[in-house]
Protein backbone atom coordinates (compact mmCIF):
# COMPACT_ATOMS: atom_id res chain seq x y z
CA TYR A 1 -116.37 -69.01 46.84
CA LEU A 2 -115.33 -68.96 50.50
CA ASP A 3 -115.41 -65.17 50.54
CA THR A 4 -119.05 -65.23 49.43
CA ILE A 5 -119.98 -67.75 52.12
CA ARG A 6 -118.16 -65.72 54.77
CA GLN A 7 -119.83 -62.46 53.67
CA ASP A 8 -123.29 -64.03 53.70
CA TYR A 9 -122.80 -65.81 57.02
CA TYR A 10 -121.44 -62.86 58.98
CA GLY A 11 -123.61 -60.35 57.13
CA ASN A 12 -126.82 -62.15 58.09
CA LEU A 13 -125.95 -62.32 61.79
CA PHE A 14 -126.79 -58.69 62.53
CA PRO A 15 -128.22 -59.34 66.03
CA LEU A 16 -125.01 -61.17 66.97
CA ASN A 17 -122.68 -59.04 64.85
CA PRO A 18 -124.07 -55.48 64.89
CA GLY A 19 -120.68 -54.03 63.96
CA GLY A 20 -120.69 -56.00 60.71
CA ILE A 21 -117.21 -57.36 61.34
CA ILE A 22 -116.34 -60.08 58.84
CA SER A 23 -113.42 -62.33 59.67
CA LEU A 24 -110.63 -62.78 57.17
CA GLY A 25 -110.52 -66.50 57.82
CA PRO A 26 -107.67 -68.83 56.91
CA ASP A 27 -105.52 -68.43 53.82
CA PRO A 28 -106.71 -71.23 51.49
CA THR A 29 -103.43 -71.16 49.56
CA GLU A 30 -101.79 -72.76 52.61
CA TRP A 31 -104.12 -75.76 52.38
CA HIS A 32 -102.07 -77.14 49.50
CA GLN A 33 -98.76 -77.04 51.34
CA SER A 34 -97.17 -80.20 52.68
CA HIS A 35 -98.30 -81.13 56.19
CA LEU A 36 -95.02 -82.99 56.93
CA ARG A 37 -96.79 -85.87 58.66
CA GLU A 38 -94.19 -88.25 57.29
CA SER A 39 -91.68 -86.60 59.62
CA VAL A 40 -93.72 -87.52 62.71
CA ALA A 41 -92.41 -90.56 64.59
CA LYS A 42 -94.30 -93.76 63.87
CA GLN A 43 -93.83 -94.99 67.46
CA PRO A 44 -94.51 -92.96 70.61
CA SER A 45 -91.47 -91.66 72.44
CA GLN A 46 -90.46 -93.24 75.74
CA SER A 47 -91.40 -90.05 77.61
CA ALA A 48 -94.93 -90.27 76.20
CA LEU A 49 -95.31 -93.81 77.52
CA GLY A 50 -94.69 -92.65 81.08
């Protein structure tokens, strides 16, 4: 689905993209990996407080 959107978007921008370069974009399989936010400190560090 995203490949179709990307092809249509970049393919229809000929004046701005005359070379027809279509970006690969992000790897959607990585979107389902853990973001590890639970490992981020809940309180700011002393150095961040200044």
